[in-house]
Protein backbone atom coordinates (compact mmCIF):
# COMPACT_ATOMS: atom_id res chain seq x y z
CA MET A 1 88.69 80.16 118.56
CA LEU A 2 92.25 79.67 119.69
CA SER A 3 93.66 79.75 116.17
CA SER A 4 91.94 83.07 115.39
CA ARG A 5 93.41 84.51 118.59
CA GLU A 6 96.84 83.23 117.61
CA ASP A 7 96.38 84.67 114.13
CA ALA A 8 95.47 88.05 115.60
CA LEU A 9 98.52 88.05 117.86
CA LYS A 10 100.73 87.04 114.93
CA PHE A 11 99.28 89.87 112.85
CA ILE A 12 99.91 92.40 115.63
CA ARG A 13 103.53 91.24 116.03
CA GLU A 14 104.10 91.43 112.27
CA PHE A 15 102.51 94.88 112.14
CA GLU A 16 104.77 96.09 114.92
CA ALA A 17 107.90 94.65 113.31
CA SER A 18 107.13 96.00 109.83
CA SER A 19 106.16 99.38 111.29
CA ARG A 20 109.45 99.56 113.15
CA GLU A 21 111.38 98.72 109.98
CA TYR A 22 109.40 101.30 108.00
CA LEU A 23 109.85 104.06 110.57
CA LEU A 24 113.57 103.43 110.95
CA ALA A 25 113.97 103.38 107.15
CA GLN A 26 112.21 106.76 107.06
CA GLY A 27 114.84 108.13 109.44
CA THR A 28 112.72 108.16 112.58
CA SER A 29 114.94 108.44 115.64
CA GLU A 30 114.54 106.16 118.65
CA HIS A 31 113.32 109.21 120.57
CA GLU A 32 110.52 109.85 118.03
CA TYR A 33 109.69 106.19 117.47
CA ALA A 34 106.96 105.78 120.12
CA SER A 35 104.85 108.69 118.90
CA ALA A 36 105.41 107.80 115.24
CA TYR A 37 104.37 104.20 115.90
CA LEU A 38 101.26 105.39 117.73
CA GLU A 39 100.40 107.57 114.74
CA LEU A 40 100.72 104.57 112.41
CA GLN A 41 98.39 102.57 114.66
CA TRP A 42 95.78 105.36 114.59
CA LYS A 43 96.01 105.62 110.79
CA PHE A 44 95.56 101.87 110.50
CA LEU A 45 92.53 101.87 112.81
CA ARG A 46 90.98 104.82 110.98
CA THR A 47 91.43 102.92 107.71
CA ILE A 48 89.65 99.89 109.13
CA ILE A 49 86.82 102.02 110.49
CA THR A 50 86.47 103.88 107.21
CA GLU A 51 86.42 100.68 105.17
CA GLN A 52 84.08 98.79 107.52
CA PRO A 53 80.80 100.49 106.47
CA SER A 54 81.42 99.77 102.79
CA LEU A 55 82.10 96.11 103.59
CA SER A 56 78.90 95.75 105.61
CA ARG A 57 76.87 97.46 102.86
CA ARG A 58 78.20 94.95 100.33
CA ARG A 59 77.23 92.05 102.58
CA LYS A 60 73.69 93.40 103.00
CA THR A 61 73.34 93.97 99.27
CA ASN A 62 74.57 90.47 98.47
CA SER A 63 72.25 88.90 101.03
CA LEU A 64 69.30 90.83 99.59
CA ARG A 65 70.19 89.63 96.10
CA CYS A 66 70.34 86.04 97.30
CA LYS A 67 66.91 86.35 98.91
CA SER A 68 65.34 87.89 95.81
CA HIS A 69 66.72 85.07 93.64
CA SER A 70 65.33 82.43 95.97
CA ILE A 71 61.84 84.00 95.80
CA ALA A 72 61.74 84.09 92.00
């Protein structure tokens, strides 16, 4: 459990650092940075939420296939 927590924190730190680099490379000023970073976070979360249903559908389909093979 601890390693997954550490992995999550590492991911968040890397996301923040790479986002900062990206935004500054795009010419975002320090004044605009906070709102631009927040927008990137929302886009990232929306992407995860959008992709999540398709991932869970694939898992259900695969588990149903496994069950049907075990019956036959």
